[in-house]
Amino acid sequence: MYVVVNEPTTVHDMLLQKSDGRYELLVWDEKVTGSDSVDVNLGRTVKSLKVYDPTVGIDPVQTLANVKSVKLTLTDHAGILEIPSVPLD
């Protein structure tokens, strides 16, 4: 089970599963100005994690290995975490 630690009321998340089993975790902020930093705890160590910023392009902006959590700085658009098909209870 994933948890967005210290999630402000303006931050929201949604977990989607793709047909190939991978998960896409969308995390976004509705804050009018500025940004919020949050930690996403994945509940277990995952072998690989890709972070996407849809305003930058279709390639990951960061690829991490053997991580249990990731820090995100959120502004006025969603950040997307791509997680392998290991279930997130």
PDB file of N, CA and C in Angstrom:
ATOM      1  N   MET A   1       0.844  -1.170   0.000  1.00  0.00           N
ATOM      2  CA  MET A   1       0.000   0.000   0.000  1.00  0.00           C
ATOM      3  C   MET A   1       0.893   1.239   0.000  1.00  0.00           C
ATOM      4  N   TYR A   2       0.649   2.148  -0.894  1.00  0.00           N
ATOM      5  CA  TYR A   2       1.427   3.379  -0.929  1.00  0.00           C
ATOM      6  C   TYR A   2       0.768   4.437  -0.042  1.00  0.00           C
ATOM      7  N   VAL A   3       1.574   5.377   0.412  1.00  0.00           N
ATOM      8  CA  VAL A   3       1.077   6.475   1.235  1.00  0.00           C
ATOM      9  C   VAL A   3       1.803   7.740   0.801  1.00  0.00           C
ATOM     10  N   VAL A   4       1.049   8.824   0.630  1.00  0.00           N
ATOM     11  CA  VAL A   4       1.660  10.129   0.399  1.00  0.00           C
ATOM     12  C   VAL A   4       1.799  10.764   1.781  1.00  0.00           C
ATOM     13  N   VAL A   5       3.039  10.852   2.256  1.00  0.00           N
ATOM     14  CA  VAL A   5       3.323  11.304   3.615  1.00  0.00           C
ATOM     15  C   VAL A   5       3.114  12.811   3.717  1.00  0.00           C
ATOM     16  N   ASN A   6       2.470  13.239   4.809  1.00  0.00           N
ATOM     17  CA  ASN A   6       2.212  14.658   5.075  1.00  0.00           C
ATOM     18  C   ASN A   6       1.536  15.341   3.886  1.00  0.00           C
ATOM     19  N   GLU A   7       0.524  14.690   3.342  1.00  0.00           N
ATOM     20  CA  GLU A   7      -0.163  15.191   2.154  1.00  0.00           C
ATOM     21  C   GLU A   7      -1.016  16.411   2.509  1.00  0.00           C
ATOM     22  N   PRO A   8      -0.670  17.588   1.965  1.00  0.00           N
ATOM     23  CA  PRO A   8      -1.509  18.764   2.200  1.00  0.00           C
ATOM     24  C   PRO A   8      -2.888  18.574   1.569  1.00  0.00           C
ATOM     25  N   THR A   9      -3.851  19.364   1.973  1.00  0.00           N
ATOM     26  CA  THR A   9      -5.208  19.224   1.445  1.00  0.00           C
ATOM     27  C   THR A   9      -5.289  19.547  -0.038  1.00  0.00           C
ATOM     28  N   THR A  10      -4.297  20.247  -0.580  1.00  0.00           N
ATOM     29  CA  THR A  10      -4.310  20.598  -2.007  1.00  0.00           C
ATOM     30  C   THR A  10      -3.685  19.521  -2.882  1.00  0.00           C
ATOM     31  N   VAL A  11      -3.089  18.491  -2.275  1.00  0.00           N
ATOM     32  CA  VAL A  11      -2.429  17.428  -3.035  1.00  0.00           C
ATOM     33  C   VAL A  11      -3.350  16.216  -3.118  1.00  0.00           C
ATOM     34  N   HIS A  12      -3.412  15.621  -4.311  1.00  0.00           N
ATOM     35  CA  HIS A  12      -4.280  14.477  -4.557  1.00  0.00           C
ATOM     36  C   HIS A  12      -3.493  13.384  -5.286  1.00  0.00           C
ATOM     37  N   ASP A  13      -4.001  12.158  -5.223  1.00  0.00           N
ATOM     38  CA  ASP A  13      -3.327  11.049  -5.900  1.00  0.00           C
ATOM     39  C   ASP A  13      -4.343  10.066  -6.439  1.00  0.00           C
ATOM     40  N   MET A  14      -3.932   9.342  -7.479  1.00  0.00           N
ATOM     41  CA  MET A  14      -4.781   8.320  -8.092  1.00  0.00           C
ATOM     42  C   MET A  14      -3.881   7.219  -8.647  1.00  0.00           C
ATOM     43  N   LEU A  15      -4.173   5.982  -8.284  1.00  0.00           N
ATOM     44  CA  LEU A  15      -3.407   4.834  -8.758  1.00  0.00           C
ATOM     45  C   LEU A  15      -4.168   4.153  -9.886  1.00  0.00           C
ATOM     46  N   LEU A  16      -3.498   3.976 -11.019  1.00  0.00           N
ATOM     47  CA  LEU A  16      -4.076   3.300 -12.176  1.00  0.00           C
ATOM     48  C   LEU A  16      -3.214   2.088 -12.508  1.00  0.00           C
ATOM     49  N   GLN A  17      -3.826   1.045 -13.050  1.00  0.00           N
ATOM     50  CA  GLN A  17      -3.060  -0.110 -13.499  1.00  0.00           C
ATOM     51  C   GLN A  17      -3.240  -0.272 -14.995  1.00  0.00           C
ATOM     52  N   LYS A  18      -2.111  -0.419 -15.695  1.00  0.00           N
ATOM     53  CA  LYS A  18      -2.134  -0.606 -17.147  1.00  0.00           C
ATOM     54  C   LYS A  18      -2.420  -2.074 -17.468  1.00  0.00           C
ATOM     55  N   SER A  19      -2.784  -2.346 -18.702  1.00  0.00           N
ATOM     56  CA  SER A  19      -3.135  -3.706 -19.104  1.00  0.00           C
ATOM     57  C   SER A  19      -1.952  -4.673 -19.006  1.00  0.00           C
ATOM     58  N   ASP A  20      -0.714  -4.144 -19.030  1.00  0.00           N
ATOM     59  CA  ASP A  20       0.462  -5.020 -18.902  1.00  0.00           C
ATOM     60  C   ASP A  20       0.859  -5.247 -17.447  1.00  0.00           C
ATOM     61  N   GLY A  21       0.071  -4.712 -16.502  1.00  0.00           N
ATOM     62  CA  GLY A  21       0.330  -4.934 -15.082  1.00  0.00           C
ATOM     63  C   GLY A  21       1.049  -3.804 -14.383  1.00  0.00           C
ATOM     64  N   ARG A  22       1.711  -2.917 -15.140  1.00  0.00           N
ATOM     65  CA  ARG A  22       2.406  -1.794 -14.508  1.00  0.00           C
ATOM     66  C   ARG A  22       1.396  -0.839 -13.878  1.00  0.00           C
ATOM     67  N   TYR A  23       1.867  -0.123 -12.868  1.00  0.00           N
ATOM     68  CA  TYR A  23       1.038   0.878 -12.201  1.00  0.00           C
ATOM     69  C   TYR A  23       1.509   2.273 -12.590  1.00  0.00           C
ATOM     70  N   GLU A  24       0.571   3.179 -12.666  1.00  0.00           N
ATOM     71  CA  GLU A  24       0.856   4.598 -12.866  1.00  0.00           C
ATOM     72  C   GLU A  24       0.225   5.315 -11.677  1.00  0.00           C
ATOM     73  N   LEU A  25       1.060   5.940 -10.857  1.00  0.00           N
ATOM     74  CA  LEU A  25       0.572   6.705  -9.723  1.00  0.00           C
ATOM     75  C   LEU A  25       0.660   8.184 -10.085  1.00  0.00           C
ATOM     76  N   LEU A  26      -0.480   8.833 -10.192  1.00  0.00           N
ATOM     77  CA  LEU A  26      -0.532  10.256 -10.498  1.00  0.00           C
ATOM     78  C   LEU A  26      -0.651  11.017  -9.191  1.00  0.00           C
ATOM     79  N   VAL A  27       0.187  12.027  -9.022  1.00  0.00           N
ATOM     80  CA  VAL A  27       0.140  12.869  -7.835  1.00  0.00           C
ATOM     81  C   VAL A  27       0.155  14.311  -8.321  1.00  0.00           C
ATOM     82  N   TRP A  28      -0.820  15.090  -7.871  1.00  0.00           N
ATOM     83  CA  TRP A  28      -0.890  16.470  -8.344  1.00  0.00           C
ATOM     84  C   TRP A  28      -1.288  17.417  -7.223  1.00  0.00           C
ATOM     85  N   ASP A  29      -1.029  18.685  -7.455  1.00  0.00           N
ATOM     86  CA  ASP A  29      -1.269  19.735  -6.472  1.00  0.00           C
ATOM     87  C   ASP A  29      -2.239  20.751  -7.065  1.00  0.00           C
ATOM     88  N   GLU A  30      -3.198  21.180  -6.288  1.00  0.00           N
ATOM     89  CA  GLU A  30      -4.136  22.202  -6.728  1.00  0.00           C
ATOM     90  C   GLU A  30      -3.822  23.558  -6.088  1.00  0.00           C
ATOM     91  N   LYS A  31      -2.621  23.701  -5.560  1.00  0.00           N
ATOM     92  CA  LYS A  31      -2.205  24.963  -4.953  1.00  0.00           C
ATOM     93  C   LYS A  31      -2.135  26.027  -6.054  1.00  0.00           C
ATOM     94  N   VAL A  32      -2.679  27.203  -5.782  1.00  0.00           N
ATOM     95  CA  VAL A  32      -2.754  28.255  -6.791  1.00  0.00           C
ATOM     96  C   VAL A  32      -1.371  28.800  -7.137  1.00  0.00           C
ATOM     97  N   THR A  33      -0.536  29.022  -6.156  1.00  0.00           N
ATOM     98  CA  THR A  33       0.826  29.493  -6.400  1.00  0.00           C
ATOM     99  C   THR A  33       1.800  28.683  -5.549  1.00  0.00           C
ATOM    100  N   GLY A  34       3.041  28.645  -5.974  1.00  0.00           N
ATOM    101  CA  GLY A  34       4.065  27.937  -5.213  1.00  0.00           C
ATOM    102  C   GLY A  34       4.057  26.450  -5.474  1.00  0.00           C
ATOM    103  N   SER A  35       4.636  25.711  -4.540  1.00  0.00           N
ATOM    104  CA  SER A  35       4.759  24.261  -4.698  1.00  0.00           C
ATOM    105  C   SER A  35       4.666  23.580  -3.339  1.00  0.00           C
ATOM    106  N   ASP A  36       4.474  22.292  -3.361  1.00  0.00           N
ATOM    107  CA  ASP A  36       4.474  21.455  -2.170  1.00  0.00           C
ATOM    108  C   ASP A  36       5.412  20.287  -2.415  1.00  0.00           C
ATOM    109  N   SER A  37       6.168  19.913  -1.394  1.00  0.00           N
ATOM    110  CA  SER A  37       7.020  18.728  -1.474  1.00  0.00           C
ATOM    111  C   SER A  37       6.381  17.626  -0.651  1.00  0.00           C
ATOM    112  N   VAL A  38       6.293  16.441  -1.244  1.00  0.00           N
ATOM    113  CA  VAL A  38       5.720  15.299  -0.541  1.00  0.00           C
ATOM    114  C   VAL A  38       6.623  14.094  -0.745  1.00  0.00           C
ATOM    115  N   ASP A  39       6.527  13.161   0.176  1.00  0.00           N
ATOM    116  CA  ASP A  39       7.197  11.874   0.042  1.00  0.00           C
ATOM    117  C   ASP A  39       6.145  10.831  -0.250  1.00  0.00           C
ATOM    118  N   VAL A  40       6.397  10.008  -1.261  1.00  0.00           N
ATOM    119  CA  VAL A  40       5.504   8.894  -1.580  1.00  0.00           C
ATOM    120  C   VAL A  40       6.192   7.630  -1.093  1.00  0.00           C
ATOM    121  N   ASN A  41       5.614   7.000  -0.072  1.00  0.00           N
ATOM    122  CA  ASN A  41       6.141   5.764   0.476  1.00  0.00           C
ATOM    123  C   ASN A  41       5.419   4.621  -0.224  1.00  0.00           C
ATOM    124  N   LEU A  42       6.172   3.757  -0.880  1.00  0.00           N
ATOM    125  CA  LEU A  42       5.591   2.677  -1.679  1.00  0.00           C
ATOM    126  C   LEU A  42       5.240   1.437  -0.860  1.00  0.00           C
ATOM    127  N   GLY A  43       5.628   1.422   0.411  1.00  0.00           N
ATOM    128  CA  GLY A  43       5.282   0.287   1.264  1.00  0.00           C
ATOM    129  C   GLY A  43       6.194  -0.911   1.141  1.00  0.00           C
ATOM    130  N   ARG A  44       7.010  -0.923   0.117  1.00  0.00           N
ATOM    131  CA  ARG A  44       7.994  -1.991  -0.103  1.00  0.00           C
ATOM    132  C   ARG A  44       9.019  -1.478  -1.111  1.00  0.00           C
ATOM    133  N   THR A  45      10.127  -2.153  -1.196  1.00  0.00           N
ATOM    134  CA  THR A  45      11.160  -1.770  -2.152  1.00  0.00           C
ATOM    135  C   THR A  45      10.778  -2.272  -3.536  1.00  0.00           C
ATOM    136  N   VAL A  46      10.856  -1.384  -4.519  1.00  0.00           N
ATOM    137  CA  VAL A  46      10.594  -1.777  -5.901  1.00  0.00           C
ATOM    138  C   VAL A  46      11.903  -1.723  -6.684  1.00  0.00           C
ATOM    139  N   LYS A  47      12.061  -2.649  -7.632  1.00  0.00           N
ATOM    140  CA  LYS A  47      13.307  -2.743  -8.387  1.00  0.00           C
ATOM    141  C   LYS A  47      13.574  -1.516  -9.243  1.00  0.00           C
ATOM    142  N   SER A  48      12.523  -0.958  -9.825  1.00  0.00           N
ATOM    143  CA  SER A  48      12.712   0.224 -10.657  1.00  0.00           C
ATOM    144  C   SER A  48      11.495   1.131 -10.545  1.00  0.00           C
ATOM    145  N   LEU A  49      11.738   2.399 -10.699  1.00  0.00           N
ATOM    146  CA  LEU A  49      10.674   3.391 -10.627  1.00  0.00           C
ATOM    147  C   LEU A  49      11.031   4.508 -11.592  1.00  0.00           C
ATOM    148  N   LYS A  50      10.089   4.875 -12.434  1.00  0.00           N
ATOM    149  CA  LYS A  50      10.316   5.973 -13.369  1.00  0.00           C
ATOM    150  C   LYS A  50       9.413   7.131 -12.987  1.00  0.00           C
ATOM    151  N   VAL A  51       9.973   8.332 -13.035  1.00  0.00           N
ATOM    152  CA  VAL A  51       9.226   9.536 -12.719  1.00  0.00           C
ATOM    153  C   VAL A  51       9.065  10.332 -14.007  1.00  0.00           C
ATOM    154  N   TYR A  52       7.823  10.705 -14.305  1.00  0.00           N
ATOM    155  CA  TYR A  52       7.521  11.461 -15.515  1.00  0.00           C
ATOM    156  C   TYR A  52       6.964  12.830 -15.161  1.00  0.00           C
ATOM    157  N   ASP A  53       7.303  13.805 -15.974  1.00  0.00           N
ATOM    158  CA  ASP A  53       6.718  15.142 -15.906  1.00  0.00           C
ATOM    159  C   ASP A  53       6.093  15.397 -17.271  1.00  0.00           C
ATOM    160  N   PRO A  54       4.770  15.323 -17.384  1.00  0.00           N
ATOM    161  CA  PRO A  54       4.139  15.445 -18.696  1.00  0.00           C
ATOM    162  C   PRO A  54       4.353  16.791 -19.378  1.00  0.00           C
ATOM    163  N   THR A  55       4.793  17.796 -18.634  1.00  0.00           N
ATOM    164  CA  THR A  55       5.060  19.094 -19.263  1.00  0.00           C
ATOM    165  C   THR A  55       6.426  19.132 -19.928  1.00  0.00           C
ATOM    166  N   VAL A  56       7.268  18.120 -19.647  1.00  0.00           N
ATOM    167  CA  VAL A  56       8.617  18.068 -20.202  1.00  0.00           C
ATOM    168  C   VAL A  56       8.664  17.208 -21.466  1.00  0.00           C
ATOM    169  N   GLY A  57       7.912  16.112 -21.458  1.00  0.00           N
ATOM    170  CA  GLY A  57       7.928  15.211 -22.610  1.00  0.00           C
ATOM    171  C   GLY A  57       7.486  13.823 -22.214  1.00  0.00           C
ATOM    172  N   ILE A  58       7.734  12.867 -23.115  1.00  0.00           N
ATOM    173  CA  ILE A  58       7.267  11.500 -22.874  1.00  0.00           C
ATOM    174  C   ILE A  58       8.322  10.594 -22.237  1.00  0.00           C
ATOM    175  N   ASP A  59       9.543  11.075 -22.124  1.00  0.00           N
ATOM    176  CA  ASP A  59      10.603  10.289 -21.495  1.00  0.00           C
ATOM    177  C   ASP A  59      10.647  10.572 -19.992  1.00  0.00           C
ATOM    178  N   PRO A  60      11.079   9.578 -19.198  1.00  0.00           N
ATOM    179  CA  PRO A  60      11.166   9.812 -17.754  1.00  0.00           C
ATOM    180  C   PRO A  60      12.171  10.923 -17.444  1.00  0.00           C
ATOM    181  N   VAL A  61      11.850  11.723 -16.429  1.00  0.00           N
ATOM    182  CA  VAL A  61      12.787  12.750 -15.973  1.00  0.00           C
ATOM    183  C   VAL A  61      13.728  12.179 -14.920  1.00  0.00           C
ATOM    184  N   GLN A  62      13.369  11.008 -14.393  1.00  0.00           N
ATOM    185  CA  GLN A  62      14.209  10.360 -13.390  1.00  0.00           C
ATOM    186  C   GLN A  62      13.899   8.871 -13.393  1.00  0.00           C
ATOM    187  N   THR A  63      14.942   8.044 -13.263  1.00  0.00           N
ATOM    188  CA  THR A  63      14.777   6.602 -13.122  1.00  0.00           C
ATOM    189  C   THR A  63      15.536   6.186 -11.865  1.00  0.00           C
ATOM    190  N   LEU A  64      14.841   5.511 -10.978  1.00  0.00           N
ATOM    191  CA  LEU A  64      15.436   5.111  -9.699  1.00  0.00           C
ATOM    192  C   LEU A  64      15.415   3.593  -9.592  1.00  0.00           C
ATOM    193  N   ALA A  65      16.365   3.037  -8.841  1.00  0.00           N
ATOM    194  CA  ALA A  65      16.437   1.590  -8.645  1.00  0.00           C
ATOM    195  C   ALA A  65      16.417   1.265  -7.164  1.00  0.00           C
ATOM    196  N   ASN A  66      15.722   0.181  -6.826  1.00  0.00           N
ATOM    197  CA  ASN A  66      15.659  -0.327  -5.460  1.00  0.00           C
ATOM    198  C   ASN A  66      15.269   0.767  -4.467  1.00  0.00           C
ATOM    199  N   VAL A  67      14.102   1.334  -4.676  1.00  0.00           N
ATOM    200  CA  VAL A  67      13.615   2.406  -3.811  1.00  0.00           C
ATOM    201  C   VAL A  67      12.341   1.986  -3.097  1.00  0.00           C
ATOM    202  N   LYS A  68      12.160   2.552  -1.911  1.00  0.00           N
ATOM    203  CA  LYS A  68      10.938   2.324  -1.140  1.00  0.00           C
ATOM    204  C   LYS A  68      10.111   3.601  -1.067  1.00  0.00           C
ATOM    205  N   SER A  69      10.745   4.745  -1.347  1.00  0.00           N
ATOM    206  CA  SER A  69      10.024   6.008  -1.337  1.00  0.00           C
ATOM    207  C   SER A  69      10.681   6.980  -2.306  1.00  0.00           C
ATOM    208  N   VAL A  70       9.924   8.003  -2.668  1.00  0.00           N
ATOM    209  CA  VAL A  70      10.439   9.017  -3.585  1.00  0.00           C
ATOM    210  C   VAL A  70       9.874  10.369  -3.159  1.00  0.00           C
ATOM    211  N   LYS A  71      10.694  11.393  -3.251  1.00  0.00           N
ATOM    212  CA  LYS A  71      10.276  12.753  -2.926  1.00  0.00           C
ATOM    213  C   LYS A  71       9.865  13.451  -4.219  1.00  0.00           C
ATOM    214  N   LEU A  72       8.701  14.113  -4.180  1.00  0.00           N
ATOM    215  CA  LEU A  72       8.207  14.869  -5.326  1.00  0.00           C
ATOM    216  C   LEU A  72       7.971  16.316  -4.926  1.00  0.00           C
ATOM    217  N   THR A  73       8.321  17.226  -5.804  1.00  0.00           N
ATOM    218  CA  THR A  73       7.953  18.628  -5.642  1.00  0.00           C
ATOM    219  C   THR A  73       6.867  18.902  -6.663  1.00  0.00           C
ATOM    220  N   LEU A  74       5.694  19.243  -6.169  1.00  0.00           N
ATOM    221  CA  LEU A  74       4.524  19.390  -7.018  1.00  0.00           C
ATOM    222  C   LEU A  74       4.170  20.857  -7.218  1.00  0.00           C
ATOM    223  N   THR A  75       3.814  21.179  -8.449  1.00  0.00           N
ATOM    224  CA  THR A  75       3.334  22.522  -8.757  1.00  0.00           C
ATOM    225  C   THR A  75       1.940  22.392  -9.356  1.00  0.00           C
ATOM    226  N   ASP A  76       1.687  23.041 -10.457  1.00  0.00           N
ATOM    227  CA  ASP A  76       0.337  23.087 -11.018  1.00  0.00           C
ATOM    228  C   ASP A  76       0.027  21.967 -12.009  1.00  0.00           C
ATOM    229  N   HIS A  77       0.808  20.897 -12.019  1.00  0.00           N
ATOM    230  CA  HIS A  77       0.533  19.773 -12.911  1.00  0.00           C
ATOM    231  C   HIS A  77       0.929  18.463 -12.229  1.00  0.00           C
ATOM    232  N   ALA A  78       0.459  17.374 -12.782  1.00  0.00           N
ATOM    233  CA  ALA A  78       0.684  16.068 -12.170  1.00  0.00           C
ATOM    234  C   ALA A  78       2.104  15.560 -12.392  1.00  0.00           C
ATOM    235  N   GLY A  79       2.585  14.838 -11.414  1.00  0.00           N
ATOM    236  CA  GLY A  79       3.780  14.027 -11.562  1.00  0.00           C
ATOM    237  C   GLY A  79       3.310  12.584 -11.681  1.00  0.00           C
ATOM    238  N   ILE A  80       3.986  11.777 -12.454  1.00  0.00           N
ATOM    239  CA  ILE A  80       3.554  10.398 -12.664  1.00  0.00           C
ATOM    240  C   ILE A  80       4.690   9.454 -12.292  1.00  0.00           C
ATOM    241  N   LEU A  81       4.386   8.494 -11.436  1.00  0.00           N
ATOM    242  CA  LEU A  81       5.335   7.458 -11.066  1.00  0.00           C
ATOM    243  C   LEU A  81       4.922   6.174 -11.768  1.00  0.00           C
ATOM    244  N   GLU A  82       5.842   5.575 -12.516  1.00  0.00           N
ATOM    245  CA  GLU A  82       5.572   4.287 -13.156  1.00  0.00           C
ATOM    246  C   GLU A  82       6.252   3.209 -12.334  1.00  0.00           C
ATOM    247  N   ILE A  83       5.436   2.274 -11.856  1.00  0.00           N
ATOM    248  CA  ILE A  83       5.893   1.250 -10.934  1.00  0.00           C
ATOM    249  C   ILE A  83       5.678  -0.118 -11.585  1.00  0.00           C
ATOM    250  N   PRO A  84       6.659  -1.031 -11.469  1.00  0.00           N
ATOM    251  CA  PRO A  84       6.502  -2.364 -12.065  1.00  0.00           C
ATOM    252  C   PRO A  84       5.269  -3.081 -11.520  1.00  0.00           C
ATOM    253  N   SER A  85       4.937  -4.203 -12.089  1.00  0.00           N
ATOM    254  CA  SER A  85       3.702  -4.908 -11.787  1.00  0.00           C
ATOM    255  C   SER A  85       3.659  -5.615 -10.430  1.00  0.00           C
ATOM    256  N   VAL A  86       4.630  -5.367  -9.568  1.00  0.00           N
ATOM    257  CA  VAL A  86       4.565  -5.922  -8.225  1.00  0.00           C
ATOM    258  C   VAL A  86       3.376  -5.270  -7.528  1.00  0.00           C
ATOM    259  N   PRO A  87       2.436  -6.062  -6.995  1.00  0.00           N
ATOM    260  CA  PRO A  87       1.234  -5.474  -6.395  1.00  0.00           C
ATOM    261  C   PRO A  87       1.558  -4.488  -5.284  1.00  0.00           C
ATOM    262  N   LEU A  88       0.767  -3.428  -5.188  1.00  0.00           N
ATOM    263  CA  LEU A  88       0.867  -2.459  -4.100  1.00  0.00           C
ATOM    264  C   LEU A  88      -0.345  -2.660  -3.195  1.00  0.00           C
ATOM    265  N   ASP A  89      -0.379  -3.752  -2.446  1.00  0.00           N
ATOM    266  CA  ASP A  89      -1.499  -4.145  -1.601  1.00  0.00           C
ATOM    267  C   ASP A  89      -2.435  -3.002  -1.286  1.00  0.00           C
TER     268      ASP A  89
END
